[in-house]
């Protein structure tokens, strides 16, 4: 695979540049997968607790917020992956996600703002866990 990547980019295998870039990208993809999985697991646990303690309305709001948080995290990771190759700065598309979440909470009476925002920021504790537990 490295030979085909080197052939596509016009670099020889002996340059040493391609394996380093490939290893960094693989490491980034592993971190991205772990972070998304940790966020998903934390969201499931928090949603179950919220449903049990605060009821269905707060639980649904938290699930919607957590889903928006996962989407935000995915868009941010995609923007970071493009950094250097195709873009020089981060995309601002992911900023639309929390704005739409707040607008949806204000327009739909069945959604509660605080549980939705709490669900949205569940990616942050998952990120801290990854920083602490990383090998």
Foldseek 3Di string as FASTA:
>chain_A
DLCVVCVVVVHDPVPPPSVVVVVVVVVLVVLLVQLLVLLVVLLVVVLVVCCVPPNDLLSVLLNQLLVLLSVLSVQQSVQVVCDPPPDPDGDPVSVVSVVVSVVCCVVDVSHDDVSSPVSNCSSVVSVVCCVVPPD
